[in-house]
All heavy atoms as atom14 arrays in JSON, in Angstrom:
{
  "sequence": "AYLSNKEVYVRDSYVCADPNYRLNVRVVTETPWANLFCYNMFLRP",
  "atom14_mask": [
    [1, 1, 1, 1, 1, 0, 0, 0, 0, 0, 0, 0, 0, 0],
    [1, 1, 1, 1, 1, 1, 1, 1, 1, 1, 1, 1, 0, 0],
    [1, 1, 1, 1, 1, 1, 1, 1, 0, 0, 0, 0, 0, 0],
    [1, 1, 1, 1, 1, 1, 0, 0, 0, 0, 0, 0, 0, 0],
    [1, 1, 1, 1, 1, 1, 1, 1, 0, 0, 0, 0, 0, 0],
    [1, 1, 1, 1, 1, 1, 1, 1, 1, 0, 0, 0, 0, 0],
    [1, 1, 1, 1, 1, 1, 1, 1, 1, 0, 0, 0, 0, 0],
    [1, 1, 1, 1, 1, 1, 1, 0, 0, 0, 0, 0, 0, 0],
    [1, 1, 1, 1, 1, 1, 1, 1, 1, 1, 1, 1, 0, 0],
    [1, 1, 1, 1, 1, 1, 1, 0, 0, 0, 0, 0, 0, 0],
    [1, 1, 1, 1, 1, 1, 1, 1, 1, 1, 1, 0, 0, 0],
    [1, 1, 1, 1, 1, 1, 1, 1, 0, 0, 0, 0, 0, 0],
    [1, 1, 1, 1, 1, 1, 0, 0, 0, 0, 0, 0, 0, 0],
    [1, 1, 1, 1, 1, 1, 1, 1, 1, 1, 1, 1, 0, 0],
    [1, 1, 1, 1, 1, 1, 1, 0, 0, 0, 0, 0, 0, 0],
    [1, 1, 1, 1, 1, 1, 0, 0, 0, 0, 0, 0, 0, 0],
    [1, 1, 1, 1, 1, 0, 0, 0, 0, 0, 0, 0, 0, 0],
    [1, 1, 1, 1, 1, 1, 1, 1, 0, 0, 0, 0, 0, 0],
    [1, 1, 1, 1, 1, 1, 1, 0, 0, 0, 0, 0, 0, 0],
    [1, 1, 1, 1, 1, 1, 1, 1, 0, 0, 0, 0, 0, 0],
    [1, 1, 1, 1, 1, 1, 1, 1, 1, 1, 1, 1, 0, 0],
    [1, 1, 1, 1, 1, 1, 1, 1, 1, 1, 1, 0, 0, 0],
    [1, 1, 1, 1, 1, 1, 1, 1, 0, 0, 0, 0, 0, 0],
    [1, 1, 1, 1, 1, 1, 1, 1, 0, 0, 0, 0, 0, 0],
    [1, 1, 1, 1, 1, 1, 1, 0, 0, 0, 0, 0, 0, 0],
    [1, 1, 1, 1, 1, 1, 1, 1, 1, 1, 1, 0, 0, 0],
    [1, 1, 1, 1, 1, 1, 1, 0, 0, 0, 0, 0, 0, 0],
    [1, 1, 1, 1, 1, 1, 1, 0, 0, 0, 0, 0, 0, 0],
    [1, 1, 1, 1, 1, 1, 1, 0, 0, 0, 0, 0, 0, 0],
    [1, 1, 1, 1, 1, 1, 1, 1, 1, 0, 0, 0, 0, 0],
    [1, 1, 1, 1, 1, 1, 1, 0, 0, 0, 0, 0, 0, 0],
    [1, 1, 1, 1, 1, 1, 1, 0, 0, 0, 0, 0, 0, 0],
    [1, 1, 1, 1, 1, 1, 1, 1, 1, 1, 1, 1, 1, 1],
    [1, 1, 1, 1, 1, 0, 0, 0, 0, 0, 0, 0, 0, 0],
    [1, 1, 1, 1, 1, 1, 1, 1, 0, 0, 0, 0, 0, 0],
    [1, 1, 1, 1, 1, 1, 1, 1, 0, 0, 0, 0, 0, 0],
    [1, 1, 1, 1, 1, 1, 1, 1, 1, 1, 1, 0, 0, 0],
    [1, 1, 1, 1, 1, 1, 0, 0, 0, 0, 0, 0, 0, 0],
    [1, 1, 1, 1, 1, 1, 1, 1, 1, 1, 1, 1, 0, 0],
    [1, 1, 1, 1, 1, 1, 1, 1, 0, 0, 0, 0, 0, 0],
    [1, 1, 1, 1, 1, 1, 1, 1, 0, 0, 0, 0, 0, 0],
    [1, 1, 1, 1, 1, 1, 1, 1, 1, 1, 1, 0, 0, 0],
    [1, 1, 1, 1, 1, 1, 1, 1, 0, 0, 0, 0, 0, 0],
    [1, 1, 1, 1, 1, 1, 1, 1, 1, 1, 1, 0, 0, 0],
    [1, 1, 1, 1, 1, 1, 1, 0, 0, 0, 0, 0, 0, 0]
  ],
  "atom14_positions": [
    [[0.79, 93.38, 41.17], [-0.13, 92.25, 41.36], [-0.68, 92.25, 42.82], [-1.88, 91.99, 43.05], [0.6, 90.93, 41.09], [0.0, 0.0, 0.0], [0.0, 0.0, 0.0], [0.0, 0.0, 0.0], [0.0, 0.0, 0.0], [0.0, 0.0, 0.0], [0.0, 0.0, 0.0], [0.0, 0.0, 0.0], [0.0, 0.0, 0.0], [0.0, 0.0, 0.0]],
    [[0.2, 92.63, 43.74], [-0.24, 92.72, 45.1], [-1.34, 93.79, 45.32], [-2.23, 93.7, 46.13], [1.01, 93.04, 46.01], [0.81, 93.23, 47.44], [0.72, 92.12, 48.31], [0.61, 94.49, 48.04], [0.52, 92.25, 49.67], [0.42, 94.65, 49.36], [0.38, 93.58, 50.22], [0.17, 93.71, 51.57], [0.0, 0.0, 0.0], [0.0, 0.0, 0.0]],
    [[-1.23, 94.89, 44.6], [-2.2, 96.01, 44.66], [-3.51, 95.69, 43.9], [-4.55, 96.35, 44.17], [-1.59, 97.27, 44.16], [-0.52, 97.93, 45.01], [-0.01, 99.2, 44.34], [-1.18, 98.34, 46.42], [0.0, 0.0, 0.0], [0.0, 0.0, 0.0], [0.0, 0.0, 0.0], [0.0, 0.0, 0.0], [0.0, 0.0, 0.0], [0.0, 0.0, 0.0]],
    [[-3.44, 94.76, 43.02], [-4.67, 94.42, 42.26], [-5.72, 93.91, 43.14], [-5.44, 93.19, 44.21], [-4.32, 93.38, 41.16], [-3.42, 93.91, 40.19], [0.0, 0.0, 0.0], [0.0, 0.0, 0.0], [0.0, 0.0, 0.0], [0.0, 0.0, 0.0], [0.0, 0.0, 0.0], [0.0, 0.0, 0.0], [0.0, 0.0, 0.0], [0.0, 0.0, 0.0]],
    [[-6.94, 94.24, 42.95], [-8.17, 93.85, 43.76], [-8.19, 94.49, 45.06], [-8.87, 94.07, 46.0], [-8.16, 92.31, 43.85], [-8.26, 91.75, 42.52], [-9.17, 91.87, 41.71], [-7.27, 90.82, 42.21], [0.0, 0.0, 0.0], [0.0, 0.0, 0.0], [0.0, 0.0, 0.0], [0.0, 0.0, 0.0], [0.0, 0.0, 0.0], [0.0, 0.0, 0.0]],
    [[-7.31, 95.54, 45.32], [-7.38, 96.24, 46.61], [-7.83, 97.64, 46.43], [-7.89, 98.14, 45.34], [-5.92, 96.22, 47.25], [-5.49, 94.83, 47.68], [-4.12, 94.94, 48.4], [-3.74, 93.63, 49.08], [-3.52, 92.57, 48.16], [0.0, 0.0, 0.0], [0.0, 0.0, 0.0], [0.0, 0.0, 0.0], [0.0, 0.0, 0.0], [0.0, 0.0, 0.0]],
    [[-7.98, 98.36, 47.54], [-8.24, 99.77, 47.52], [-6.95, 100.52, 47.43], [-5.96, 100.25, 48.15], [-9.0, 100.25, 48.88], [-10.4, 99.92, 48.92], [-11.08, 100.67, 50.07], [-11.5, 101.81, 49.85], [-11.19, 100.02, 51.08], [0.0, 0.0, 0.0], [0.0, 0.0, 0.0], [0.0, 0.0, 0.0], [0.0, 0.0, 0.0], [0.0, 0.0, 0.0]],
    [[-6.9, 101.48, 46.52], [-5.71, 102.3, 46.39], [-6.03, 103.76, 46.23], [-7.17, 104.07, 45.89], [-4.82, 101.89, 45.14], [-4.31, 100.5, 45.3], [-5.57, 102.04, 43.92], [0.0, 0.0, 0.0], [0.0, 0.0, 0.0], [0.0, 0.0, 0.0], [0.0, 0.0, 0.0], [0.0, 0.0, 0.0], [0.0, 0.0, 0.0], [0.0, 0.0, 0.0]],
    [[-5.1, 104.61, 46.52], [-5.32, 106.02, 46.52], [-4.39, 106.66, 45.44], [-3.21, 106.45, 45.49], [-5.09, 106.68, 47.88], [-6.04, 106.2, 48.87], [-5.86, 104.94, 49.54], [-7.24, 106.79, 49.16], [-6.65, 104.39, 50.42], [-8.13, 106.27, 50.1], [-7.88, 105.01, 50.73], [-8.76, 104.52, 51.62], [0.0, 0.0, 0.0], [0.0, 0.0, 0.0]],
    [[-4.93, 107.4, 44.53], [-4.18, 107.86, 43.34], [-4.24, 109.38, 43.32], [-5.3, 109.99, 43.48], [-4.75, 107.28, 41.96], [-3.88, 107.85, 40.88], [-4.64, 105.76, 42.02], [0.0, 0.0, 0.0], [0.0, 0.0, 0.0], [0.0, 0.0, 0.0], [0.0, 0.0, 0.0], [0.0, 0.0, 0.0], [0.0, 0.0, 0.0], [0.0, 0.0, 0.0]],
    [[-3.06, 109.99, 43.16], [-3.01, 111.47, 43.04], [-2.09, 111.91, 41.9], [-1.01, 111.37, 41.76], [-2.43, 112.01, 44.36], [-2.21, 113.59, 44.32], [-2.15, 114.18, 45.67], [-3.4, 113.75, 46.41], [-4.55, 114.38, 46.28], [-4.73, 115.39, 45.4], [-5.59, 113.99, 46.98], [0.0, 0.0, 0.0], [0.0, 0.0, 0.0], [0.0, 0.0, 0.0]],
    [[-2.72, 112.8, 41.06], [-1.86, 113.37, 40.06], [-1.41, 114.74, 40.47], [-2.14, 115.6, 40.97], [-2.66, 113.54, 38.72], [-2.89, 112.25, 38.02], [-2.11, 111.25, 38.3], [-3.88, 112.11, 37.22], [0.0, 0.0, 0.0], [0.0, 0.0, 0.0], [0.0, 0.0, 0.0], [0.0, 0.0, 0.0], [0.0, 0.0, 0.0], [0.0, 0.0, 0.0]],
    [[-0.1, 114.99, 40.41], [0.49, 116.13, 40.99], [1.75, 116.52, 40.09], [2.01, 115.84, 39.11], [1.0, 115.87, 42.37], [1.82, 114.78, 42.48], [0.0, 0.0, 0.0], [0.0, 0.0, 0.0], [0.0, 0.0, 0.0], [0.0, 0.0, 0.0], [0.0, 0.0, 0.0], [0.0, 0.0, 0.0], [0.0, 0.0, 0.0], [0.0, 0.0, 0.0]],
    [[2.51, 117.5, 40.51], [3.73, 117.75, 39.76], [4.75, 118.39, 40.69], [4.41, 118.72, 41.85], [3.43, 118.66, 38.51], [2.99, 120.13, 38.85], [3.86, 121.21, 38.87], [1.66, 120.41, 39.12], [3.48, 122.48, 39.06], [1.22, 121.68, 39.37], [2.11, 122.71, 39.37], [1.75, 123.99, 39.64], [0.0, 0.0, 0.0], [0.0, 0.0, 0.0]],
    [[6.0, 118.37, 40.19], [7.11, 119.0, 40.96], [7.76, 120.04, 40.02], [7.61, 119.99, 38.86], [8.13, 117.92, 41.44], [7.5, 117.1, 42.57], [8.62, 117.06, 40.29], [0.0, 0.0, 0.0], [0.0, 0.0, 0.0], [0.0, 0.0, 0.0], [0.0, 0.0, 0.0], [0.0, 0.0, 0.0], [0.0, 0.0, 0.0], [0.0, 0.0, 0.0]],
    [[8.44, 120.93, 40.66], [9.15, 122.06, 39.98], [8.15, 123.23, 39.67], [7.29, 123.1, 38.76], [9.88, 121.73, 38.8], [11.2, 120.47, 39.04], [0.0, 0.0, 0.0], [0.0, 0.0, 0.0], [0.0, 0.0, 0.0], [0.0, 0.0, 0.0], [0.0, 0.0, 0.0], [0.0, 0.0, 0.0], [0.0, 0.0, 0.0], [0.0, 0.0, 0.0]],
    [[8.22, 124.24, 40.46], [7.27, 125.35, 40.35], [7.44, 126.12, 39.06], [6.48, 126.71, 38.55], [7.38, 126.33, 41.56], [0.0, 0.0, 0.0], [0.0, 0.0, 0.0], [0.0, 0.0, 0.0], [0.0, 0.0, 0.0], [0.0, 0.0, 0.0], [0.0, 0.0, 0.0], [0.0, 0.0, 0.0], [0.0, 0.0, 0.0], [0.0, 0.0, 0.0]],
    [[8.66, 126.17, 38.53], [8.95, 126.88, 37.24], [8.33, 126.0, 36.12], [8.67, 124.85, 35.92], [10.38, 127.09, 37.0], [10.76, 127.95, 35.82], [9.98, 127.87, 34.83], [11.75, 128.69, 35.92], [0.0, 0.0, 0.0], [0.0, 0.0, 0.0], [0.0, 0.0, 0.0], [0.0, 0.0, 0.0], [0.0, 0.0, 0.0], [0.0, 0.0, 0.0]],
    [[7.35, 126.55, 35.37], [6.77, 125.72, 34.3], [7.63, 125.21, 33.19], [7.34, 124.16, 32.68], [5.75, 126.71, 33.6], [5.75, 127.97, 34.45], [6.81, 127.93, 35.44], [0.0, 0.0, 0.0], [0.0, 0.0, 0.0], [0.0, 0.0, 0.0], [0.0, 0.0, 0.0], [0.0, 0.0, 0.0], [0.0, 0.0, 0.0], [0.0, 0.0, 0.0]],
    [[8.81, 125.85, 33.1], [9.8, 125.27, 32.06], [10.45, 124.04, 32.58], [11.11, 123.37, 31.71], [10.89, 126.42, 31.84], [10.29, 127.66, 31.2], [9.42, 127.59, 30.36], [10.76, 128.84, 31.62], [0.0, 0.0, 0.0], [0.0, 0.0, 0.0], [0.0, 0.0, 0.0], [0.0, 0.0, 0.0], [0.0, 0.0, 0.0], [0.0, 0.0, 0.0]],
    [[10.33, 123.72, 33.82], [10.96, 122.53, 34.4], [9.97, 121.53, 35.06], [10.43, 120.56, 35.64], [12.05, 122.93, 35.41], [13.06, 123.87, 34.81], [12.88, 125.27, 34.84], [14.18, 123.39, 34.23], [13.75, 126.15, 34.25], [15.21, 124.3, 33.68], [14.92, 125.6, 33.73], [15.9, 126.39, 33.17], [0.0, 0.0, 0.0], [0.0, 0.0, 0.0]],
    [[8.77, 121.75, 34.8], [7.68, 120.95, 35.45], [7.75, 119.5, 35.06], [8.01, 119.14, 33.92], [6.32, 121.59, 35.04], [5.1, 120.71, 35.55], [3.81, 121.4, 35.2], [2.7, 120.54, 35.51], [1.45, 121.01, 35.59], [1.15, 122.23, 35.33], [0.47, 120.08, 35.83], [0.0, 0.0, 0.0], [0.0, 0.0, 0.0], [0.0, 0.0, 0.0]],
    [[7.49, 118.68, 36.08], [7.5, 117.18, 35.93], [6.27, 116.67, 36.52], [6.02, 116.82, 37.69], [8.76, 116.59, 36.59], [9.21, 115.17, 36.23], [9.88, 115.19, 34.8], [10.08, 114.62, 37.24], [0.0, 0.0, 0.0], [0.0, 0.0, 0.0], [0.0, 0.0, 0.0], [0.0, 0.0, 0.0], [0.0, 0.0, 0.0], [0.0, 0.0, 0.0]],
    [[5.4, 116.01, 35.74], [4.15, 115.49, 36.2], [4.38, 114.12, 36.94], [5.15, 113.28, 36.33], [3.14, 115.33, 35.08], [2.61, 116.58, 34.53], [2.72, 117.63, 35.23], [2.04, 116.55, 33.41], [0.0, 0.0, 0.0], [0.0, 0.0, 0.0], [0.0, 0.0, 0.0], [0.0, 0.0, 0.0], [0.0, 0.0, 0.0], [0.0, 0.0, 0.0]],
    [[3.78, 113.92, 38.11], [3.98, 112.74, 38.87], [2.69, 112.12, 39.21], [1.76, 112.88, 39.85], [4.82, 113.06, 40.11], [4.95, 111.74, 40.92], [6.18, 113.6, 39.81], [0.0, 0.0, 0.0], [0.0, 0.0, 0.0], [0.0, 0.0, 0.0], [0.0, 0.0, 0.0], [0.0, 0.0, 0.0], [0.0, 0.0, 0.0], [0.0, 0.0, 0.0]],
    [[2.44, 110.85, 38.94], [1.24, 110.18, 39.36], [1.71, 109.31, 40.6], [2.57, 108.48, 40.51], [0.66, 109.27, 38.27], [-0.41, 108.29, 38.77], [-1.33, 107.71, 37.7], [-2.22, 108.76, 37.29], [-3.2, 108.58, 36.36], [-3.27, 107.37, 35.72], [-3.94, 109.51, 35.94], [0.0, 0.0, 0.0], [0.0, 0.0, 0.0], [0.0, 0.0, 0.0]],
    [[0.96, 109.5, 41.72], [1.28, 108.82, 42.89], [0.17, 107.79, 43.21], [-1.01, 108.04, 43.15], [1.36, 109.83, 44.07], [1.55, 109.09, 45.43], [2.3, 110.89, 43.87], [0.0, 0.0, 0.0], [0.0, 0.0, 0.0], [0.0, 0.0, 0.0], [0.0, 0.0, 0.0], [0.0, 0.0, 0.0], [0.0, 0.0, 0.0], [0.0, 0.0, 0.0]],
    [[0.61, 106.57, 43.46], [-0.28, 105.47, 43.87], [0.15, 104.97, 45.32], [1.25, 104.52, 45.48], [-0.24, 104.33, 42.92], [-1.22, 103.2, 43.41], [-0.53, 104.75, 41.47], [0.0, 0.0, 0.0], [0.0, 0.0, 0.0], [0.0, 0.0, 0.0], [0.0, 0.0, 0.0], [0.0, 0.0, 0.0], [0.0, 0.0, 0.0], [0.0, 0.0, 0.0]],
    [[-0.71, 105.18, 46.31], [-0.42, 104.77, 47.69], [-1.44, 103.85, 48.16], [-2.57, 103.75, 47.74], [-0.36, 106.04, 48.56], [-1.69, 106.58, 48.68], [0.58, 107.07, 48.08], [0.0, 0.0, 0.0], [0.0, 0.0, 0.0], [0.0, 0.0, 0.0], [0.0, 0.0, 0.0], [0.0, 0.0, 0.0], [0.0, 0.0, 0.0], [0.0, 0.0, 0.0]],
    [[-0.98, 103.08, 49.15], [-1.85, 102.03, 49.8], [-2.7, 102.64, 50.86], [-3.7, 102.12, 51.2], [-0.9, 100.99, 50.44], [-1.51, 99.78, 50.94], [-0.54, 98.77, 51.54], [0.59, 99.14, 51.81], [-0.91, 97.64, 51.66], [0.0, 0.0, 0.0], [0.0, 0.0, 0.0], [0.0, 0.0, 0.0], [0.0, 0.0, 0.0], [0.0, 0.0, 0.0]],
    [[-2.23, 103.75, 51.49], [-3.0, 104.34, 52.57], [-3.46, 105.77, 52.28], [-2.7, 106.53, 51.5], [-2.12, 104.47, 53.81], [-1.03, 105.27, 53.63], [-1.68, 103.06, 54.26], [0.0, 0.0, 0.0], [0.0, 0.0, 0.0], [0.0, 0.0, 0.0], [0.0, 0.0, 0.0], [0.0, 0.0, 0.0], [0.0, 0.0, 0.0], [0.0, 0.0, 0.0]],
    [[-4.59, 106.23, 52.83], [-5.02, 107.67, 52.55], [-4.04, 108.65, 53.13], [-3.86, 109.73, 52.51], [-6.33, 107.71, 53.22], [-6.36, 106.63, 54.15], [-5.49, 105.48, 53.67], [0.0, 0.0, 0.0], [0.0, 0.0, 0.0], [0.0, 0.0, 0.0], [0.0, 0.0, 0.0], [0.0, 0.0, 0.0], [0.0, 0.0, 0.0], [0.0, 0.0, 0.0]],
    [[-3.38, 108.39, 54.24], [-2.54, 109.44, 54.83], [-1.27, 109.59, 54.04], [-0.61, 110.7, 53.97], [-2.16, 109.13, 56.28], [-1.71, 107.72, 56.57], [-2.53, 106.73, 56.98], [-0.31, 107.21, 56.7], [-1.72, 105.55, 57.28], [-0.44, 105.93, 56.98], [0.89, 107.81, 56.31], [0.78, 105.11, 57.1], [2.05, 107.06, 56.41], [1.93, 105.69, 56.84]],
    [[-0.72, 108.53, 53.35], [0.44, 108.68, 52.49], [0.07, 109.56, 51.3], [0.84, 110.32, 50.8], [0.95, 107.31, 52.03], [0.0, 0.0, 0.0], [0.0, 0.0, 0.0], [0.0, 0.0, 0.0], [0.0, 0.0, 0.0], [0.0, 0.0, 0.0], [0.0, 0.0, 0.0], [0.0, 0.0, 0.0], [0.0, 0.0, 0.0], [0.0, 0.0, 0.0]],
    [[-1.23, 109.4, 50.75], [-1.69, 110.25, 49.72], [-1.83, 111.7, 50.15], [-1.48, 112.62, 49.42], [-3.08, 109.67, 49.25], [-3.28, 109.99, 47.76], [-3.84, 111.01, 47.44], [-2.75, 109.17, 46.82], [0.0, 0.0, 0.0], [0.0, 0.0, 0.0], [0.0, 0.0, 0.0], [0.0, 0.0, 0.0], [0.0, 0.0, 0.0], [0.0, 0.0, 0.0]],
    [[-2.31, 111.88, 51.42], [-2.36, 113.2, 51.97], [-0.99, 113.9, 52.05], [-0.78, 115.07, 51.81], [-3.06, 113.24, 53.3], [-3.21, 114.59, 54.03], [-3.93, 115.59, 53.14], [-3.98, 114.32, 55.27], [0.0, 0.0, 0.0], [0.0, 0.0, 0.0], [0.0, 0.0, 0.0], [0.0, 0.0, 0.0], [0.0, 0.0, 0.0], [0.0, 0.0, 0.0]],
    [[0.03, 113.08, 52.42], [1.42, 113.59, 52.47], [1.81, 114.07, 51.11], [2.38, 115.18, 50.97], [2.32, 112.45, 52.96], [3.75, 112.81, 52.9], [4.34, 113.45, 53.97], [4.58, 112.56, 51.81], [5.71, 113.78, 53.96], [5.92, 112.9, 51.75], [6.48, 113.53, 52.82], [0.0, 0.0, 0.0], [0.0, 0.0, 0.0], [0.0, 0.0, 0.0]],
    [[1.48, 113.4, 50.05], [1.82, 113.81, 48.67], [1.06, 115.02, 48.27], [1.45, 115.86, 47.5], [1.66, 112.6, 47.72], [2.84, 111.3, 48.01], [0.0, 0.0, 0.0], [0.0, 0.0, 0.0], [0.0, 0.0, 0.0], [0.0, 0.0, 0.0], [0.0, 0.0, 0.0], [0.0, 0.0, 0.0], [0.0, 0.0, 0.0], [0.0, 0.0, 0.0]],
    [[-0.23, 115.12, 48.69], [-1.01, 116.37, 48.47], [-0.24, 117.53, 49.1], [-0.18, 118.59, 48.45], [-2.44, 116.23, 49.06], [-3.2, 117.52, 49.11], [-4.0, 117.91, 48.01], [-3.13, 118.38, 50.19], [-4.61, 119.14, 47.96], [-3.8, 119.59, 50.12], [-4.56, 119.94, 49.07], [-5.2, 121.16, 49.11], [0.0, 0.0, 0.0], [0.0, 0.0, 0.0]],
    [[0.2, 117.36, 50.33], [0.89, 118.42, 50.99], [2.27, 118.79, 50.28], [2.58, 119.99, 50.09], [1.15, 118.07, 52.49], [0.01, 118.12, 53.26], [-1.08, 118.69, 52.89], [0.03, 117.59, 54.49], [0.0, 0.0, 0.0], [0.0, 0.0, 0.0], [0.0, 0.0, 0.0], [0.0, 0.0, 0.0], [0.0, 0.0, 0.0], [0.0, 0.0, 0.0]],
    [[3.07, 117.73, 49.96], [4.45, 118.0, 49.56], [4.7, 118.28, 48.08], [5.64, 118.83, 47.7], [5.25, 116.73, 50.05], [5.27, 116.52, 51.49], [5.7, 118.04, 52.49], [7.27, 118.43, 51.83], [0.0, 0.0, 0.0], [0.0, 0.0, 0.0], [0.0, 0.0, 0.0], [0.0, 0.0, 0.0], [0.0, 0.0, 0.0], [0.0, 0.0, 0.0]],
    [[3.86, 117.71, 47.23], [4.0, 117.96, 45.83], [3.09, 119.15, 45.4], [2.22, 119.62, 46.19], [3.68, 116.73, 44.99], [4.6, 115.55, 45.24], [4.14, 114.25, 45.13], [5.94, 115.78, 45.71], [5.0, 113.17, 45.4], [6.7, 114.69, 45.98], [6.32, 113.38, 45.89], [0.0, 0.0, 0.0], [0.0, 0.0, 0.0], [0.0, 0.0, 0.0]],
    [[3.3, 119.6, 44.18], [2.49, 120.8, 43.69], [1.11, 120.28, 43.25], [1.06, 119.25, 42.61], [3.32, 121.5, 42.62], [4.48, 122.26, 43.2], [5.6, 122.45, 42.07], [4.16, 123.64, 43.77], [0.0, 0.0, 0.0], [0.0, 0.0, 0.0], [0.0, 0.0, 0.0], [0.0, 0.0, 0.0], [0.0, 0.0, 0.0], [0.0, 0.0, 0.0]],
    [[0.12, 121.13, 43.44], [-1.26, 120.73, 43.26], [-1.81, 121.36, 42.0], [-2.03, 122.59, 41.94], [-2.08, 121.14, 44.51], [-1.65, 120.47, 45.76], [-2.08, 121.17, 47.08], [-1.3, 122.35, 47.32], [-0.05, 122.39, 47.97], [0.42, 121.26, 48.37], [0.55, 123.51, 48.17], [0.0, 0.0, 0.0], [0.0, 0.0, 0.0], [0.0, 0.0, 0.0]],
    [[-2.16, 120.48, 41.05], [-2.7, 121.03, 39.74], [-4.12, 121.52, 40.03], [-4.86, 121.1, 40.91], [-2.75, 119.81, 38.89], [-2.03, 118.73, 39.56], [-2.03, 119.06, 40.99], [0.0, 0.0, 0.0], [0.0, 0.0, 0.0], [0.0, 0.0, 0.0], [0.0, 0.0, 0.0], [0.0, 0.0, 0.0], [0.0, 0.0, 0.0], [0.0, 0.0, 0.0]]
  ]
}
């Protein structure tokens, strides 16, 4: 509810480089730099 009506940054990414163990993760962050951190740290589809 707090995030409703605000600007948010959304990133679809995944973890686990082996395709047999891949886990898709949707990230919702309040700041663009936190989203950039997830771009860096999670795997990029």
